[in-house]
Amino acid sequence: MTLSELKVLYPTATEETWHQHSNGGGWVQNTATVADTAWVGPDAQVSGTARVSGKAQVSGAARVLDAAQVSGYAQVSGYARVSGTAQVSGTASVSGSTWVFGNAVVSGTASVSGTAWVSGKAQVSGYAVVRGNAWVSGNAQVSGAARVSGDARVSDYALVSGVDVVSE
């Protein structure tokens, strides 16, 4: 991605306010922090006060923005967005056109894919999978080897754990 292409997404972007990460060539706003050991692919962006640390990877056209954190060996790819104060850690993956935002946490080896949303203070952890057009929101928790897929909605203080499957 060129600076001109970046300006389409961030109109005020300049070479004084953004730089290309040395490991992958993706764009990083100077207010964000990305470890030298992390990878930011050529079409990915990290902005705001976001932090990418460890050996985490941001690839495709993915964006990590606001005060979000991606750490460990976590992967954010495709057109995924991680924003707010959301956290993605461990070896978790967020891919496709997903959005993890608010104070949401995706950790362990959990996977969020498709067009799924994880928001609020929701937590997806362990080996859990959230995919399709599923939403996990509020204070809901999806953990263990649980699967949430299709158009399923898990919200409020709901707990889906173990090998539970929620699909709609």
C-alpha atoms as a PDB file:
ATOM      1  CA  MET A   1       0.000   0.000   0.000  1.00  0.00           C
ATOM      2  CA  THR A   2       1.311   3.424  -0.906  1.00  0.00           C
ATOM      3  CA  LEU A   3       0.926   6.588   1.138  1.00  0.00           C
ATOM      4  CA  SER A   4      -1.670   7.782  -1.389  1.00  0.00           C
ATOM      5  CA  GLU A   5      -3.710   4.626  -0.807  1.00  0.00           C
ATOM      6  CA  LEU A   6      -3.344   5.048   2.958  1.00  0.00           C
ATOM      7  CA  LYS A   7      -4.719   8.592   2.654  1.00  0.00           C
ATOM      8  CA  VAL A   8      -7.976   7.147   1.302  1.00  0.00           C
ATOM      9  CA  LEU A   9      -8.462   5.452   4.687  1.00  0.00           C
ATOM     10  CA  TYR A  10      -6.774   8.134   6.801  1.00  0.00           C
ATOM     11  CA  PRO A  11      -7.032  11.494   4.967  1.00  0.00           C
ATOM     12  CA  THR A  12      -4.598  13.283   7.294  1.00  0.00           C
ATOM     13  CA  ALA A  13      -1.855  10.643   6.938  1.00  0.00           C
ATOM     14  CA  THR A  14       1.588  11.989   6.071  1.00  0.00           C
ATOM     15  CA  GLU A  15       5.115  10.620   6.111  1.00  0.00           C
ATOM     16  CA  GLU A  16       5.601  12.639   9.302  1.00  0.00           C
ATOM     17  CA  THR A  17       2.694  10.932  11.108  1.00  0.00           C
ATOM     18  CA  TRP A  18       2.966   7.373   9.726  1.00  0.00           C
ATOM     19  CA  HIS A  19       5.788   4.983   8.904  1.00  0.00           C
ATOM     20  CA  GLN A  20       6.138   1.574   7.311  1.00  0.00           C
ATOM     21  CA  HIS A  21       6.975  -1.223   9.736  1.00  0.00           C
ATOM     22  CA  SER A  22      10.383  -2.776   9.202  1.00  0.00           C
ATOM     23  CA  ASN A  23       8.944  -6.294   9.418  1.00  0.00           C
ATOM     24  CA  GLY A  24       6.335  -6.589   6.666  1.00  0.00           C
ATOM     25  CA  GLY A  25       6.089  -3.037   5.368  1.00  0.00           C
ATOM     26  CA  GLY A  26       2.598  -2.268   6.700  1.00  0.00           C
ATOM     27  CA  TRP A  27       1.672   1.229   7.830  1.00  0.00           C
ATOM     28  CA  VAL A  28       1.932   2.219  11.490  1.00  0.00           C
ATOM     29  CA  GLN A  29       0.748   5.549  12.851  1.00  0.00           C
ATOM     30  CA  ASN A  30       3.497   7.124  14.957  1.00  0.00           C
ATOM     31  CA  THR A  31       1.202   7.148  18.000  1.00  0.00           C
ATOM     32  CA  ALA A  32       0.877   3.333  17.881  1.00  0.00           C
ATOM     33  CA  THR A  33       3.473   0.840  19.123  1.00  0.00           C
ATOM     34  CA  VAL A  34       4.545  -2.218  17.146  1.00  0.00           C
ATOM     35  CA  ALA A  35       7.376  -4.472  18.324  1.00  0.00           C
ATOM     36  CA  ASP A  36      10.210  -5.195  15.925  1.00  0.00           C
ATOM     37  CA  THR A  37       9.381  -8.904  16.389  1.00  0.00           C
ATOM     38  CA  ALA A  38       5.773  -8.442  15.227  1.00  0.00           C
ATOM     39  CA  TRP A  39       4.765  -8.562  11.572  1.00  0.00           C
ATOM     40  CA  VAL A  40       2.547  -5.974   9.846  1.00  0.00           C
ATOM     41  CA  GLY A  41       1.824  -6.963   6.260  1.00  0.00           C
ATOM     42  CA  PRO A  42       2.072  -4.492   3.362  1.00  0.00           C
ATOM     43  CA  ASP A  43      -1.672  -3.736   3.239  1.00  0.00           C
ATOM     44  CA  ALA A  44      -2.323  -3.795   7.000  1.00  0.00           C
ATOM     45  CA  GLN A  45      -2.500  -0.778   9.309  1.00  0.00           C
ATOM     46  CA  VAL A  46      -1.959  -0.131  13.015  1.00  0.00           C
ATOM     47  CA  SER A  47      -3.255   3.237  14.235  1.00  0.00           C
ATOM     48  CA  GLY A  48      -4.250   5.297  17.245  1.00  0.00           C
ATOM     49  CA  THR A  49      -2.512   4.118  20.402  1.00  0.00           C
ATOM     50  CA  ALA A  50      -2.839   0.455  19.448  1.00  0.00           C
ATOM     51  CA  ARG A  51      -0.106  -1.980  20.485  1.00  0.00           C
ATOM     52  CA  VAL A  52       1.114  -5.032  18.600  1.00  0.00           C
ATOM     53  CA  SER A  53       3.698  -7.026  20.520  1.00  0.00           C
ATOM     54  CA  GLY A  54       5.497 -10.355  20.662  1.00  0.00           C
ATOM     55  CA  LYS A  55       5.386 -12.287  17.418  1.00  0.00           C
ATOM     56  CA  ALA A  56       1.831 -11.194  16.611  1.00  0.00           C
ATOM     57  CA  GLN A  57       0.892 -10.779  12.954  1.00  0.00           C
ATOM     58  CA  VAL A  58      -1.410  -8.281  11.271  1.00  0.00           C
ATOM     59  CA  SER A  59      -1.887  -9.167   7.616  1.00  0.00           C
ATOM     60  CA  GLY A  60      -4.116  -8.727   4.602  1.00  0.00           C
ATOM     61  CA  ALA A  61      -6.090  -5.503   4.843  1.00  0.00           C
ATOM     62  CA  ALA A  62      -6.575  -5.946   8.604  1.00  0.00           C
ATOM     63  CA  ARG A  63      -6.558  -2.973  10.944  1.00  0.00           C
ATOM     64  CA  VAL A  64      -5.690  -2.671  14.614  1.00  0.00           C
ATOM     65  CA  LEU A  65      -6.854   0.706  15.844  1.00  0.00           C
ATOM     66  CA  ASP A  66      -7.770   2.901  18.799  1.00  0.00           C
ATOM     67  CA  ALA A  67      -6.209   1.437  21.984  1.00  0.00           C
ATOM     68  CA  ALA A  68      -6.532  -2.216  20.945  1.00  0.00           C
ATOM     69  CA  GLN A  69      -3.802  -4.738  21.740  1.00  0.00           C
ATOM     70  CA  VAL A  70      -2.618  -7.769  19.802  1.00  0.00           C
ATOM     71  CA  SER A  71       0.049  -9.865  21.503  1.00  0.00           C
ATOM     72  CA  GLY A  72       1.809 -13.207  21.737  1.00  0.00           C
ATOM     73  CA  TYR A  73       1.492 -15.208  18.538  1.00  0.00           C
ATOM     74  CA  ALA A  74      -1.999 -13.891  17.760  1.00  0.00           C
ATOM     75  CA  GLN A  75      -3.004 -13.281  14.145  1.00  0.00           C
ATOM     76  CA  VAL A  76      -5.342 -10.654  12.736  1.00  0.00           C
ATOM     77  CA  SER A  77      -5.899 -11.132   9.006  1.00  0.00           C
ATOM     78  CA  GLY A  78      -8.161 -10.584   6.027  1.00  0.00           C
ATOM     79  CA  TYR A  79     -10.352  -7.517   6.497  1.00  0.00           C
ATOM     80  CA  ALA A  80     -10.618  -7.992  10.267  1.00  0.00           C
ATOM     81  CA  ARG A  81     -10.765  -5.027  12.629  1.00  0.00           C
ATOM     82  CA  VAL A  82      -9.651  -4.948  16.263  1.00  0.00           C
ATOM     83  CA  SER A  83     -10.599  -1.657  17.917  1.00  0.00           C
ATOM     84  CA  GLY A  84     -11.519   0.120  21.112  1.00  0.00           C
ATOM     85  CA  THR A  85      -9.616  -1.458  23.987  1.00  0.00           C
ATOM     86  CA  ALA A  86     -10.116  -4.972  22.651  1.00  0.00           C
ATOM     87  CA  GLN A  87      -7.386  -7.552  23.148  1.00  0.00           C
ATOM     88  CA  VAL A  88      -6.334 -10.506  20.996  1.00  0.00           C
ATOM     89  CA  SER A  89      -3.654 -12.671  22.579  1.00  0.00           C
ATOM     90  CA  GLY A  90      -2.031 -16.081  22.815  1.00  0.00           C
ATOM     91  CA  THR A  91      -2.298 -17.910  19.511  1.00  0.00           C
ATOM     92  CA  ALA A  92      -5.815 -16.632  18.861  1.00  0.00           C
ATOM     93  CA  SER A  93      -6.825 -15.728  15.326  1.00  0.00           C
ATOM     94  CA  VAL A  94      -9.232 -13.104  14.054  1.00  0.00           C
ATOM     95  CA  SER A  95      -9.841 -13.353  10.314  1.00  0.00           C
ATOM     96  CA  GLY A  96     -12.222 -12.666   7.467  1.00  0.00           C
ATOM     97  CA  SER A  97     -14.362  -9.564   7.866  1.00  0.00           C
ATOM     98  CA  THR A  98     -14.718  -9.904  11.621  1.00  0.00           C
ATOM     99  CA  TRP A  99     -14.758  -7.099  14.114  1.00  0.00           C
ATOM    100  CA  VAL A 100     -13.525  -7.371  17.710  1.00  0.00           C
ATOM    101  CA  PHE A 101     -14.248  -4.148  19.571  1.00  0.00           C
ATOM    102  CA  GLY A 102     -15.135  -2.465  22.818  1.00  0.00           C
ATOM    103  CA  ASN A 103     -13.442  -4.223  25.741  1.00  0.00           C
ATOM    104  CA  ALA A 104     -13.735  -7.657  24.139  1.00  0.00           C
ATOM    105  CA  VAL A 105     -11.046 -10.295  24.623  1.00  0.00           C
ATOM    106  CA  VAL A 106     -10.117 -13.138  22.266  1.00  0.00           C
ATOM    107  CA  SER A 107      -7.442 -15.349  23.816  1.00  0.00           C
ATOM    108  CA  GLY A 108      -5.894 -18.785  24.011  1.00  0.00           C
ATOM    109  CA  THR A 109      -6.213 -20.574  20.691  1.00  0.00           C
ATOM    110  CA  ALA A 110      -9.690 -19.175  20.040  1.00  0.00           C
ATOM    111  CA  SER A 111     -10.731 -18.345  16.490  1.00  0.00           C
ATOM    112  CA  VAL A 112     -13.140 -15.668  15.252  1.00  0.00           C
ATOM    113  CA  SER A 113     -13.847 -15.726  11.520  1.00  0.00           C
ATOM    114  CA  GLY A 114     -16.301 -14.926   8.763  1.00  0.00           C
ATOM    115  CA  THR A 115     -18.297 -11.778   9.499  1.00  0.00           C
ATOM    116  CA  ALA A 116     -18.583 -12.442  13.238  1.00  0.00           C
ATOM    117  CA  TRP A 117     -18.541  -9.688  15.860  1.00  0.00           C
ATOM    118  CA  VAL A 118     -17.211  -9.868  19.411  1.00  0.00           C
ATOM    119  CA  SER A 119     -18.038  -6.741  21.383  1.00  0.00           C
ATOM    120  CA  GLY A 120     -18.661  -5.163  24.746  1.00  0.00           C
ATOM    121  CA  LYS A 121     -16.859  -7.057  27.503  1.00  0.00           C
ATOM    122  CA  ALA A 122     -17.354 -10.399  25.790  1.00  0.00           C
ATOM    123  CA  GLN A 123     -14.658 -13.053  26.025  1.00  0.00           C
ATOM    124  CA  VAL A 124     -13.829 -15.827  23.582  1.00  0.00           C
ATOM    125  CA  SER A 125     -11.151 -18.131  24.957  1.00  0.00           C
ATOM    126  CA  GLY A 126      -9.661 -21.594  25.035  1.00  0.00           C
ATOM    127  CA  TYR A 127     -10.292 -23.506  21.817  1.00  0.00           C
ATOM    128  CA  ALA A 128     -13.582 -21.721  21.173  1.00  0.00           C
ATOM    129  CA  VAL A 129     -14.678 -20.861  17.642  1.00  0.00           C
ATOM    130  CA  VAL A 130     -17.007 -18.028  16.653  1.00  0.00           C
ATOM    131  CA  ARG A 131     -17.721 -17.933  12.926  1.00  0.00           C
ATOM    132  CA  GLY A 132     -20.196 -17.060  10.239  1.00  0.00           C
ATOM    133  CA  ASN A 133     -22.379 -14.081  11.086  1.00  0.00           C
ATOM    134  CA  ALA A 134     -22.422 -14.880  14.823  1.00  0.00           C
ATOM    135  CA  TRP A 135     -22.275 -12.161  17.463  1.00  0.00           C
ATOM    136  CA  VAL A 136     -20.925 -12.448  20.992  1.00  0.00           C
ATOM    137  CA  SER A 137     -21.628  -9.327  23.039  1.00  0.00           C
ATOM    138  CA  GLY A 138     -22.220  -7.813  26.441  1.00  0.00           C
ATOM    139  CA  ASN A 139     -20.524  -9.833  29.176  1.00  0.00           C
ATOM    140  CA  ALA A 140     -20.981 -13.143  27.383  1.00  0.00           C
ATOM    141  CA  GLN A 141     -18.277 -15.800  27.473  1.00  0.00           C
ATOM    142  CA  VAL A 142     -17.532 -18.494  24.929  1.00  0.00           C
ATOM    143  CA  SER A 143     -14.849 -20.875  26.158  1.00  0.00           C
ATOM    144  CA  GLY A 144     -13.464 -24.380  26.102  1.00  0.00           C
ATOM    145  CA  ALA A 145     -14.112 -26.070  22.770  1.00  0.00           C
ATOM    146  CA  ALA A 146     -17.475 -24.323  22.271  1.00  0.00           C
ATOM    147  CA  ARG A 147     -18.663 -23.375  18.783  1.00  0.00           C
ATOM    148  CA  VAL A 148     -20.915 -20.423  17.934  1.00  0.00           C
ATOM    149  CA  SER A 149     -21.810 -20.118  14.262  1.00  0.00           C
ATOM    150  CA  GLY A 150     -24.344 -19.141  11.640  1.00  0.00           C
ATOM    151  CA  ASP A 151     -26.489 -16.189  12.711  1.00  0.00           C
ATOM    152  CA  ALA A 152     -26.322 -17.110  16.412  1.00  0.00           C
ATOM    153  CA  ARG A 153     -26.348 -14.367  19.051  1.00  0.00           C
ATOM    154  CA  VAL A 154     -24.762 -14.855  22.478  1.00  0.00           C
ATOM    155  CA  SER A 155     -25.195 -11.837  24.730  1.00  0.00           C
ATOM    156  CA  ASP A 156     -25.676 -10.369  28.182  1.00  0.00           C
ATOM    157  CA  TYR A 157     -24.126 -12.734  30.750  1.00  0.00           C
ATOM    158  CA  ALA A 158     -24.522 -15.910  28.715  1.00  0.00           C
ATOM    159  CA  LEU A 159     -21.898 -18.612  29.075  1.00  0.00           C
ATOM    160  CA  VAL A 160     -21.204 -21.108  26.301  1.00  0.00           C
ATOM    161  CA  SER A 161     -18.496 -23.533  27.327  1.00  0.00           C
ATOM    162  CA  GLY A 162     -17.096 -27.017  27.022  1.00  0.00           C
ATOM    163  CA  VAL A 163     -18.274 -28.536  23.765  1.00  0.00           C
ATOM    164  CA  ASP A 164     -21.527 -26.547  23.499  1.00  0.00           C
ATOM    165  CA  VAL A 165     -22.615 -25.718  19.967  1.00  0.00           C
ATOM    166  CA  VAL A 166     -24.823 -22.707  19.277  1.00  0.00           C
ATOM    167  CA  SER A 167     -25.916 -22.330  15.675  1.00  0.00           C
ATOM    168  CA  GLU A 168     -28.805 -20.599  14.019  1.00  0.00           C
END
